[in-house]
Amino acid sequence: MITTVAQMTTEDFRIMLESIVTQTIEKKLTEMMGDPDFGLTVRRSVRDRLIRQQQDVKNGRYGHNFDDAVARMET
């Protein structure tokens, strides 16, 4: 495990810095603009569709197992 910046490669440092900057910008934008969906309700038809999709994923009819997807990406 890398413990200091001096031990990082240039690419590792770039990735770390990019992640920090992205998170900071996203946080600041959320603070400034707020959540545009706050207080809105979800239509029953949309809620029902999301629940069906969730069940389909759970039952293996839709989507991919996370561990299988990671294994495919590693090969």
N, C-alpha and C. Protein backbone atom coordinates (compact mmCIF):
# COMPACT_ATOMS: atom_id res chain seq x y z
N MET A 1 0.84 -1.19 0.00
CA MET A 1 0.00 0.00 0.00
C MET A 1 0.88 1.24 0.00
N ILE A 2 0.54 2.19 -0.83
CA ILE A 2 1.30 3.44 -0.92
C ILE A 2 0.95 4.30 0.28
N THR A 3 1.97 4.81 0.95
CA THR A 3 1.72 5.59 2.16
C THR A 3 2.09 7.06 2.01
N THR A 4 2.94 7.39 1.05
CA THR A 4 3.32 8.79 0.88
C THR A 4 3.25 9.17 -0.60
N VAL A 5 3.12 10.46 -0.87
CA VAL A 5 3.11 10.95 -2.24
C VAL A 5 4.44 10.63 -2.93
N ALA A 6 5.52 10.68 -2.18
CA ALA A 6 6.83 10.41 -2.76
C ALA A 6 6.93 8.99 -3.32
N GLN A 7 6.14 8.08 -2.80
CA GLN A 7 6.17 6.69 -3.25
C GLN A 7 5.25 6.45 -4.46
N MET A 8 4.44 7.44 -4.81
CA MET A 8 3.48 7.28 -5.90
C MET A 8 4.13 7.48 -7.25
N THR A 9 3.59 6.78 -8.24
CA THR A 9 3.99 7.06 -9.61
C THR A 9 3.26 8.33 -10.04
N THR A 10 3.72 8.91 -11.11
CA THR A 10 3.06 10.12 -11.63
C THR A 10 1.61 9.83 -11.96
N GLU A 11 1.34 8.66 -12.54
CA GLU A 11 -0.03 8.29 -12.90
C GLU A 11 -0.89 8.10 -11.66
N ASP A 12 -0.36 7.45 -10.62
CA ASP A 12 -1.11 7.29 -9.36
C ASP A 12 -1.45 8.65 -8.76
N PHE A 13 -0.49 9.55 -8.78
CA PHE A 13 -0.71 10.89 -8.23
C PHE A 13 -1.77 11.64 -9.05
N ARG A 14 -1.71 11.51 -10.38
CA ARG A 14 -2.67 12.19 -11.24
C ARG A 14 -4.09 11.67 -10.96
N ILE A 15 -4.22 10.36 -10.82
CA ILE A 15 -5.53 9.76 -10.54
C ILE A 15 -6.05 10.23 -9.19
N MET A 16 -5.19 10.25 -8.19
CA MET A 16 -5.60 10.69 -6.86
C MET A 16 -6.05 12.15 -6.90
N LEU A 17 -5.27 12.99 -7.55
CA LEU A 17 -5.58 14.42 -7.62
C LEU A 17 -6.87 14.65 -8.40
N GLU A 18 -7.04 13.94 -9.50
CA GLU A 18 -8.27 14.06 -10.29
C GLU A 18 -9.48 13.68 -9.46
N SER A 19 -9.37 12.62 -8.69
CA SER A 19 -10.46 12.17 -7.85
C SER A 19 -10.83 13.23 -6.81
N ILE A 20 -9.81 13.80 -6.18
CA ILE A 20 -10.04 14.82 -5.16
C ILE A 20 -10.72 16.04 -5.77
N VAL A 21 -10.21 16.50 -6.91
CA VAL A 21 -10.78 17.67 -7.56
C VAL A 21 -12.22 17.42 -7.98
N THR A 22 -12.49 16.25 -8.58
CA THR A 22 -13.83 15.91 -9.03
C THR A 22 -14.81 15.88 -7.85
N GLN A 23 -14.39 15.24 -6.76
CA GLN A 23 -15.27 15.16 -5.59
C GLN A 23 -15.53 16.54 -5.01
N THR A 24 -14.52 17.38 -5.00
CA THR A 24 -14.66 18.73 -4.46
C THR A 24 -15.61 19.56 -5.31
N ILE A 25 -15.47 19.46 -6.62
CA ILE A 25 -16.35 20.21 -7.51
C ILE A 25 -17.78 19.73 -7.37
N GLU A 26 -17.99 18.40 -7.35
CA GLU A 26 -19.34 17.87 -7.20
C GLU A 26 -19.97 18.31 -5.89
N LYS A 27 -19.20 18.28 -4.82
CA LYS A 27 -19.71 18.69 -3.52
C LYS A 27 -20.10 20.17 -3.54
N LYS A 28 -19.24 20.99 -4.12
CA LYS A 28 -19.51 22.43 -4.16
C LYS A 28 -20.73 22.73 -5.02
N LEU A 29 -20.87 22.07 -6.16
CA LEU A 29 -22.03 22.29 -7.02
C LEU A 29 -23.32 21.87 -6.31
N THR A 30 -23.26 20.77 -5.58
CA THR A 30 -24.43 20.31 -4.84
C THR A 30 -24.80 21.33 -3.75
N GLU A 31 -23.79 21.87 -3.08
CA GLU A 31 -24.04 22.88 -2.06
C GLU A 31 -24.67 24.13 -2.67
N MET A 32 -24.18 24.54 -3.83
CA MET A 32 -24.65 25.77 -4.47
C MET A 32 -26.05 25.59 -5.08
N MET A 33 -26.27 24.48 -5.72
CA MET A 33 -27.50 24.29 -6.48
C MET A 33 -28.55 23.48 -5.73
N GLY A 34 -28.11 22.71 -4.76
CA GLY A 34 -29.03 21.86 -4.03
C GLY A 34 -29.48 20.68 -4.88
N ASP A 35 -30.34 19.88 -4.34
CA ASP A 35 -30.87 18.71 -5.03
C ASP A 35 -32.14 19.14 -5.76
N PRO A 36 -32.11 19.16 -7.10
CA PRO A 36 -33.29 19.63 -7.84
C PRO A 36 -34.51 18.73 -7.67
N ASP A 37 -34.31 17.50 -7.21
CA ASP A 37 -35.43 16.57 -7.03
C ASP A 37 -35.97 16.56 -5.59
N PHE A 38 -35.34 17.34 -4.72
CA PHE A 38 -35.76 17.33 -3.32
C PHE A 38 -37.23 17.74 -3.20
N GLY A 39 -37.98 16.94 -2.48
CA GLY A 39 -39.38 17.24 -2.23
C GLY A 39 -40.34 16.73 -3.29
N LEU A 40 -39.81 16.24 -4.41
CA LEU A 40 -40.68 15.71 -5.45
C LEU A 40 -41.09 14.29 -5.12
N THR A 41 -42.23 13.89 -5.60
CA THR A 41 -42.69 12.51 -5.39
C THR A 41 -42.53 11.74 -6.69
N VAL A 42 -42.37 10.44 -6.54
CA VAL A 42 -42.24 9.56 -7.69
C VAL A 42 -43.63 9.02 -8.04
N ARG A 43 -43.97 9.10 -9.33
CA ARG A 43 -45.25 8.56 -9.76
C ARG A 43 -45.31 7.07 -9.43
N ARG A 44 -46.50 6.59 -9.13
CA ARG A 44 -46.67 5.18 -8.77
C ARG A 44 -46.20 4.26 -9.90
N SER A 45 -46.45 4.63 -11.15
CA SER A 45 -46.04 3.78 -12.27
C SER A 45 -44.51 3.66 -12.34
N VAL A 46 -43.82 4.76 -12.05
CA VAL A 46 -42.35 4.73 -12.06
C VAL A 46 -41.84 3.89 -10.90
N ARG A 47 -42.45 4.08 -9.73
CA ARG A 47 -42.06 3.29 -8.55
C ARG A 47 -42.25 1.80 -8.80
N ASP A 48 -43.39 1.45 -9.37
CA ASP A 48 -43.68 0.03 -9.66
C ASP A 48 -42.67 -0.55 -10.65
N ARG A 49 -42.34 0.24 -11.69
CA ARG A 49 -41.37 -0.23 -12.69
C ARG A 49 -40.00 -0.45 -12.04
N LEU A 50 -39.57 0.48 -11.18
CA LEU A 50 -38.28 0.34 -10.50
C LEU A 50 -38.26 -0.91 -9.60
N ILE A 51 -39.36 -1.16 -8.93
CA ILE A 51 -39.44 -2.35 -8.08
C ILE A 51 -39.36 -3.62 -8.93
N ARG A 52 -40.07 -3.64 -10.08
CA ARG A 52 -39.99 -4.80 -10.98
C ARG A 52 -38.57 -5.01 -11.49
N GLN A 53 -37.91 -3.92 -11.87
CA GLN A 53 -36.53 -4.03 -12.35
C GLN A 53 -35.61 -4.56 -11.26
N GLN A 54 -35.81 -4.09 -10.05
CA GLN A 54 -34.99 -4.55 -8.93
C GLN A 54 -35.19 -6.05 -8.72
N GLN A 55 -36.43 -6.51 -8.80
CA GLN A 55 -36.71 -7.94 -8.64
C GLN A 55 -36.11 -8.75 -9.78
N ASP A 56 -36.18 -8.20 -11.01
CA ASP A 56 -35.59 -8.89 -12.16
C ASP A 56 -34.09 -9.07 -11.98
N VAL A 57 -33.43 -8.03 -11.50
CA VAL A 57 -31.99 -8.12 -11.25
C VAL A 57 -31.72 -9.16 -10.16
N LYS A 58 -32.48 -9.09 -9.10
CA LYS A 58 -32.31 -10.02 -7.98
C LYS A 58 -32.51 -11.46 -8.43
N ASN A 59 -33.43 -11.68 -9.34
CA ASN A 59 -33.74 -13.04 -9.80
C ASN A 59 -32.91 -13.46 -11.01
N GLY A 60 -31.95 -12.62 -11.42
CA GLY A 60 -31.04 -12.98 -12.49
C GLY A 60 -31.59 -12.82 -13.89
N ARG A 61 -32.74 -12.17 -14.04
CA ARG A 61 -33.33 -11.99 -15.37
C ARG A 61 -32.81 -10.73 -16.05
N TYR A 62 -32.10 -9.90 -15.33
CA TYR A 62 -31.66 -8.62 -15.85
C TYR A 62 -30.36 -8.24 -15.15
N GLY A 63 -29.43 -7.68 -15.88
CA GLY A 63 -28.19 -7.24 -15.26
C GLY A 63 -27.19 -8.38 -15.14
N HIS A 64 -26.09 -8.07 -14.48
CA HIS A 64 -25.01 -9.03 -14.31
C HIS A 64 -24.56 -9.03 -12.86
N ASN A 65 -24.12 -10.18 -12.41
CA ASN A 65 -23.56 -10.30 -11.08
C ASN A 65 -22.30 -9.44 -11.00
N PHE A 66 -22.17 -8.66 -9.94
CA PHE A 66 -21.05 -7.74 -9.80
C PHE A 66 -19.71 -8.46 -9.87
N ASP A 67 -19.57 -9.56 -9.14
CA ASP A 67 -18.30 -10.29 -9.12
C ASP A 67 -17.96 -10.85 -10.50
N ASP A 68 -18.98 -11.32 -11.24
CA ASP A 68 -18.74 -11.81 -12.59
C ASP A 68 -18.29 -10.68 -13.52
N ALA A 69 -18.93 -9.53 -13.37
CA ALA A 69 -18.55 -8.38 -14.22
C ALA A 69 -17.11 -7.95 -13.93
N VAL A 70 -16.73 -7.92 -12.66
CA VAL A 70 -15.36 -7.56 -12.31
C VAL A 70 -14.38 -8.57 -12.88
N ALA A 71 -14.71 -9.84 -12.77
CA ALA A 71 -13.82 -10.90 -13.29
C ALA A 71 -13.65 -10.76 -14.80
N ARG A 72 -14.71 -10.44 -15.54
CA ARG A 72 -14.61 -10.24 -16.98
C ARG A 72 -13.72 -9.05 -17.31
N MET A 73 -13.79 -8.00 -16.51
CA MET A 73 -12.98 -6.81 -16.76
C MET A 73 -11.50 -7.06 -16.50
N GLU A 74 -11.20 -7.99 -15.61
CA GLU A 74 -9.82 -8.27 -15.25
C GLU A 74 -9.12 -9.14 -16.26
N THR A 75 -9.85 -9.79 -17.16
CA THR A 75 -9.24 -10.68 -18.14
C THR A 75 -8.95 -9.96 -19.43
